[in-house]
Amino acid sequence: MITSTSFINSEGNNVPENKIVVMPHHWSYPKHGDYDNIIVDFRSNPKRDWFTAHFYYCLPIGIGNQYGFGVKSMYNIRAIWNGGQNADDTIFQVEDEGTEQQLVASQFGSGILTFQNNFMFRTEPGVNIMVFPPPNHFIPGISSMTGVIETDNLRRDFTFNLKITEPNREVFIKKGDIISAFMPIQRYYIDKFDLVNASDIFSNDTLEKERNEVHLFNEQRLGEDMKKPHESGRKYYHGLHADSSKYPDHQKRVRAGSLDADA
């Protein structure tokens, strides 16, 4: 445990690498009692209750399910938005409200519901937290807004905001529903990337080999793969090219970690 009296991330008093520190607003709360029943680690929860077996044959969706952490609603909530821009244009009812762990409000207007949890996140220097719609979790009529927060710098909490997508339609959020998601991302990482035409970089011979590989995969998908379970050859799942040679690096599952700030 770091015993310095400096602020977090100042004068070497840094959040350790690869940790998301969860800090309750009140020291009287148990060590994990105010967030482990709200946050879901998607790395340990790769399944979705609406998936059929066929979906799990698709590795990109399976990996996507495991990215980030989810935030659950602590209540049953009914809301309706009349289409206006003011905060009082959204009427909502929170059922069985009785915990200080999560507050729900309409404060921004434009059909936005705001969820404020009773804890904050801090990350190591240079690492942001990105908030985004929870991967392959859906609530009809409402969607999480996306935001990026400098949680290495910000010395306060931030809110999770959901936008009602259709006026005059009642939205129901069930207690335990995943309302939003977040994950760490390095600051400036996306800034480095440009979209370029492949022909500006690679030779015609290289590009022709790539196209031939695409054609071979398509032939396999429409031919021999059709006779396999779920009509899937699963070469991508196993990290294999069309000729069955292996990828130099391949991931089938995101490694599950721990939310324990002291781990």
Protein backbone atom coordinates (compact mmCIF):
# COMPACT_ATOMS: atom_id res chain seq x y z
CA MET A 1 0.00 0.00 0.00
CA ILE A 2 1.26 3.46 -0.93
CA THR A 3 1.42 5.65 2.19
CA SER A 4 2.25 9.04 0.64
CA THR A 5 -0.03 11.97 1.52
CA SER A 6 0.12 13.32 -2.06
CA PHE A 7 -2.79 13.20 -4.45
CA ILE A 8 -3.21 10.07 -6.57
CA ASN A 9 -0.91 10.23 -9.62
CA SER A 10 1.16 13.11 -8.29
CA GLU A 11 4.79 13.05 -7.12
CA GLY A 12 5.21 9.37 -7.92
CA ASN A 13 2.08 8.41 -5.98
CA ASN A 14 0.77 6.64 -9.07
CA VAL A 15 -1.93 4.10 -9.70
CA PRO A 16 -0.02 0.87 -10.51
CA GLU A 17 0.15 -0.31 -14.11
CA ASN A 18 -2.83 -2.26 -15.43
CA LYS A 19 -5.06 -1.37 -12.49
CA ILE A 20 -8.37 0.45 -12.34
CA VAL A 21 -8.69 1.78 -8.80
CA VAL A 22 -12.26 1.96 -7.53
CA MET A 23 -12.59 4.54 -4.77
CA PRO A 24 -15.86 4.75 -2.75
CA HIS A 25 -17.14 8.22 -1.89
CA HIS A 26 -17.51 7.25 1.77
CA TRP A 27 -14.92 5.41 3.81
CA SER A 28 -17.62 3.73 5.89
CA TYR A 29 -18.49 1.41 3.00
CA PRO A 30 -17.09 -2.13 3.01
CA LYS A 31 -14.06 -2.73 0.84
CA HIS A 32 -16.05 -4.06 -2.11
CA GLY A 33 -19.59 -3.57 -0.87
CA ASP A 34 -20.37 -0.50 -2.92
CA TYR A 35 -19.26 -1.61 -6.40
CA ASP A 36 -18.95 -5.37 -6.85
CA ASN A 37 -22.74 -5.70 -7.09
CA ILE A 38 -22.87 -2.96 -9.76
CA ILE A 39 -19.85 -3.75 -11.95
CA VAL A 40 -19.67 -6.82 -14.17
CA ASP A 41 -16.34 -8.04 -15.57
CA PHE A 42 -17.17 -9.06 -19.14
CA ARG A 43 -13.99 -11.14 -19.33
CA SER A 44 -15.65 -13.58 -16.93
CA ASN A 45 -19.10 -13.19 -18.49
CA PRO A 46 -18.76 -13.94 -22.21
CA LYS A 47 -22.29 -15.28 -22.75
CA ARG A 48 -25.50 -13.40 -23.59
CA ASP A 49 -28.90 -14.74 -22.63
CA TRP A 50 -30.38 -14.04 -26.08
CA PHE A 51 -27.62 -15.86 -28.02
CA THR A 52 -28.32 -19.16 -29.72
CA ALA A 53 -25.50 -21.71 -30.03
CA HIS A 54 -24.79 -20.40 -33.52
CA PHE A 55 -23.51 -17.04 -32.20
CA TYR A 56 -20.73 -18.70 -30.23
CA TYR A 57 -19.23 -20.01 -33.46
CA CYS A 58 -18.37 -16.42 -34.35
CA LEU A 59 -15.10 -15.49 -32.63
CA PRO A 60 -15.29 -11.72 -33.32
CA ILE A 61 -18.62 -11.53 -31.49
CA GLY A 62 -17.32 -13.79 -28.72
CA ILE A 63 -14.25 -11.62 -28.17
CA GLY A 64 -16.38 -8.49 -28.36
CA ASN A 65 -18.59 -9.83 -25.56
CA GLN A 66 -15.53 -9.90 -23.29
CA TYR A 67 -14.31 -6.34 -23.80
CA GLY A 68 -14.59 -4.04 -20.81
CA PHE A 69 -16.74 -3.92 -17.71
CA GLY A 70 -20.50 -3.52 -17.43
CA VAL A 71 -22.53 -1.30 -15.12
CA LYS A 72 -25.84 -2.63 -13.81
CA SER A 73 -29.00 -0.80 -12.84
CA MET A 74 -29.80 -1.14 -9.15
CA TYR A 75 -33.53 -0.60 -9.73
CA ASN A 76 -36.52 -1.20 -11.95
CA ILE A 77 -37.02 2.05 -13.84
CA ARG A 78 -39.82 3.23 -16.10
CA ALA A 79 -39.26 6.34 -18.20
CA ILE A 80 -40.92 8.25 -21.01
CA TRP A 81 -39.65 11.26 -22.98
CA ASN A 82 -41.94 13.68 -24.79
CA GLY A 83 -39.28 14.72 -27.30
CA GLY A 84 -38.36 18.01 -25.64
CA GLN A 85 -34.95 19.36 -24.70
CA ASN A 86 -35.60 20.21 -21.05
CA ALA A 87 -34.85 17.97 -18.07
CA ASP A 88 -38.51 17.82 -17.06
CA ASP A 89 -39.47 16.56 -20.53
CA THR A 90 -38.38 13.12 -19.30
CA ILE A 91 -40.62 11.56 -16.67
CA PHE A 92 -39.25 8.52 -14.85
CA GLN A 93 -40.15 6.35 -11.90
CA VAL A 94 -37.61 4.40 -9.86
CA GLU A 95 -39.15 1.36 -8.18
CA ASP A 96 -37.87 0.08 -4.82
CA GLU A 97 -35.31 2.86 -4.52
CA GLY A 98 -33.58 2.58 -1.17
CA THR A 99 -29.84 2.45 -1.67
CA GLU A 100 -27.36 5.30 -1.84
CA GLN A 101 -25.11 3.29 -4.13
CA GLN A 102 -26.70 4.62 -7.30
CA LEU A 103 -28.68 7.77 -8.09
CA VAL A 104 -30.87 8.22 -11.19
CA ALA A 105 -31.83 11.63 -12.56
CA SER A 106 -32.94 13.58 -15.62
CA GLN A 107 -30.56 16.52 -15.56
CA PHE A 108 -29.27 17.06 -19.11
CA GLY A 109 -32.57 17.06 -20.99
CA SER A 110 -33.13 15.67 -24.51
CA GLY A 111 -34.37 12.35 -23.16
CA ILE A 112 -31.20 11.48 -21.22
CA LEU A 113 -31.26 9.46 -18.00
CA THR A 114 -28.19 9.91 -15.80
CA PHE A 115 -26.84 7.22 -13.49
CA GLN A 116 -24.39 8.29 -10.79
CA ASN A 117 -22.67 5.62 -8.73
CA ASN A 118 -21.21 6.21 -5.29
CA PHE A 119 -17.64 5.56 -6.31
CA MET A 120 -15.05 6.89 -8.73
CA PHE A 121 -12.34 5.39 -10.93
CA ARG A 122 -8.65 6.29 -11.15
CA THR A 123 -6.20 4.95 -13.71
CA GLU A 124 -2.46 5.08 -14.21
CA PRO A 125 -0.93 8.14 -15.93
CA GLY A 126 -1.76 8.30 -19.63
CA VAL A 127 -4.75 5.95 -19.44
CA ASN A 128 -8.33 7.10 -20.05
CA ILE A 129 -11.58 5.29 -19.46
CA MET A 130 -13.93 5.02 -22.42
CA VAL A 131 -17.66 4.65 -21.74
CA PHE A 132 -19.66 2.93 -24.48
CA PRO A 133 -22.82 0.85 -25.07
CA PRO A 134 -22.40 -2.57 -23.43
CA PRO A 135 -21.33 -5.14 -26.05
CA ASN A 136 -24.33 -7.15 -27.22
CA HIS A 137 -26.52 -6.12 -24.28
CA PHE A 138 -29.61 -4.23 -25.41
CA ILE A 139 -32.52 -2.46 -23.72
CA PRO A 140 -35.34 -1.55 -26.12
CA GLY A 141 -35.76 2.17 -26.64
CA ILE A 142 -32.66 3.39 -24.80
CA SER A 143 -28.90 3.33 -25.42
CA SER A 144 -25.78 4.26 -23.50
CA MET A 145 -23.94 7.35 -24.67
CA THR A 146 -20.21 7.20 -25.42
CA GLY A 147 -17.62 9.29 -23.60
CA VAL A 148 -13.89 9.32 -22.85
CA ILE A 149 -12.64 10.50 -19.45
CA GLU A 150 -9.12 11.27 -18.26
CA THR A 151 -9.44 9.20 -15.11
CA ASP A 152 -5.74 9.62 -14.36
CA ASN A 153 -6.38 13.35 -13.92
CA LEU A 154 -10.02 13.83 -12.91
CA ARG A 155 -10.41 13.99 -9.12
CA ARG A 156 -14.13 13.32 -9.05
CA ASP A 157 -16.62 10.79 -10.37
CA PHE A 158 -18.38 10.81 -13.74
CA THR A 159 -21.85 9.71 -14.76
CA PHE A 160 -23.21 7.08 -17.11
CA ASN A 161 -25.79 8.60 -19.44
CA LEU A 162 -28.46 6.78 -21.43
CA LYS A 163 -30.40 8.35 -24.31
CA ILE A 164 -34.03 7.44 -24.88
CA THR A 165 -34.19 6.94 -28.64
CA GLU A 166 -37.90 7.40 -29.34
CA PRO A 167 -40.31 10.03 -27.96
CA ASN A 168 -43.57 9.01 -26.28
CA ARG A 169 -42.55 5.38 -25.83
CA GLU A 170 -42.26 3.99 -22.33
CA VAL A 171 -38.85 2.47 -21.62
CA PHE A 172 -38.39 -0.18 -18.96
CA ILE A 173 -35.01 -0.88 -17.36
CA LYS A 174 -35.05 -3.98 -15.21
CA LYS A 175 -33.04 -4.22 -12.00
CA GLY A 176 -29.78 -5.95 -12.92
CA ASP A 177 -29.87 -4.88 -16.59
CA ILE A 178 -26.49 -3.86 -18.00
CA ILE A 179 -26.98 -0.18 -18.78
CA SER A 180 -23.49 0.83 -19.92
CA ALA A 181 -19.88 -0.32 -20.19
CA PHE A 182 -16.37 1.05 -19.76
CA MET A 183 -12.81 0.04 -20.52
CA PRO A 184 -9.32 1.53 -20.23
CA ILE A 185 -7.70 2.98 -23.33
CA GLN A 186 -4.36 4.74 -23.75
CA ARG A 187 -4.62 8.46 -24.34
CA TYR A 188 -3.62 9.51 -27.89
CA TYR A 189 -3.79 5.88 -29.10
CA ILE A 190 -6.46 6.53 -31.73
CA ASP A 191 -4.69 9.73 -32.80
CA LYS A 192 -1.88 7.70 -34.37
CA PHE A 193 -3.94 5.97 -37.04
CA ASP A 194 -4.65 7.01 -40.64
CA LEU A 195 -6.72 5.32 -43.32
CA VAL A 196 -4.62 4.61 -46.43
CA ASN A 197 -5.14 2.78 -49.69
CA ALA A 198 -3.40 -0.61 -49.76
CA SER A 199 -2.05 0.09 -53.25
CA ASP A 200 -0.09 3.05 -51.85
CA ILE A 201 1.92 0.68 -49.64
CA PHE A 202 2.02 -2.85 -51.08
CA SER A 203 2.98 -4.29 -54.44
CA ASN A 204 0.46 -5.66 -56.92
CA ASP A 205 1.84 -9.17 -56.31
CA THR A 206 1.19 -8.89 -52.58
CA LEU A 207 -2.32 -7.57 -53.11
CA GLU A 208 -3.11 -10.36 -55.58
CA LYS A 209 -2.03 -12.96 -53.00
CA GLU A 210 -4.31 -11.36 -50.46
CA ARG A 211 -7.24 -11.40 -52.90
CA ASN A 212 -6.61 -15.04 -53.75
CA GLU A 213 -6.75 -15.86 -50.04
CA VAL A 214 -10.14 -14.13 -49.81
CA HIS A 215 -11.44 -16.13 -52.79
CA LEU A 216 -10.18 -19.39 -51.27
CA PHE A 217 -11.92 -18.64 -47.97
CA ASN A 218 -15.14 -17.85 -49.81
CA GLU A 219 -14.95 -21.15 -51.71
CA GLN A 220 -14.48 -23.04 -48.44
CA ARG A 221 -17.36 -21.21 -46.76
CA LEU A 222 -19.72 -21.99 -49.62
CA GLY A 223 -18.40 -25.52 -50.08
CA GLU A 224 -16.82 -27.80 -47.49
CA ASP A 225 -17.81 -25.62 -44.53
CA MET A 226 -21.51 -26.03 -45.32
CA LYS A 227 -21.31 -29.66 -44.19
CA LYS A 228 -19.85 -28.79 -40.78
CA PRO A 229 -21.70 -27.91 -37.54
CA HIS A 230 -23.45 -24.56 -37.94
CA GLU A 231 -22.00 -24.42 -41.46
CA SER A 232 -18.77 -23.09 -40.01
CA GLY A 233 -15.24 -24.25 -40.74
CA ARG A 234 -13.99 -22.24 -37.76
CA LYS A 235 -10.57 -21.63 -39.28
CA TYR A 236 -10.56 -18.08 -38.01
CA TYR A 237 -11.65 -19.31 -34.59
CA HIS A 238 -8.61 -21.61 -34.46
CA GLY A 239 -6.24 -19.03 -35.93
CA LEU A 240 -5.72 -20.69 -39.30
CA HIS A 241 -5.34 -19.27 -42.79
CA ALA A 242 -7.22 -20.78 -45.73
CA ASP A 243 -4.31 -23.18 -46.34
CA SER A 244 -4.45 -24.22 -42.64
CA SER A 245 -1.17 -22.49 -41.73
CA LYS A 246 -1.26 -20.90 -38.27
CA TYR A 247 -1.45 -17.24 -37.37
CA PRO A 248 1.75 -16.04 -35.64
CA ASP A 249 -0.40 -14.65 -32.81
CA HIS A 250 -4.05 -15.42 -32.04
CA GLN A 251 -6.52 -14.88 -29.20
CA LYS A 252 -9.54 -17.09 -28.51
CA ARG A 253 -10.52 -15.60 -25.15
CA VAL A 254 -9.86 -12.45 -23.19
CA ARG A 255 -8.03 -13.26 -19.97
CA ALA A 256 -10.15 -12.70 -16.88
CA GLY A 257 -8.60 -10.42 -14.30
CA SER A 258 -9.66 -8.91 -11.00
CA LEU A 259 -11.44 -5.71 -10.04
CA ASP A 260 -9.61 -5.76 -6.70
CA ALA A 261 -7.79 -2.43 -6.51
CA ASP A 262 -5.33 -3.97 -4.04
CA ALA A 263 -4.53 -7.05 -6.15
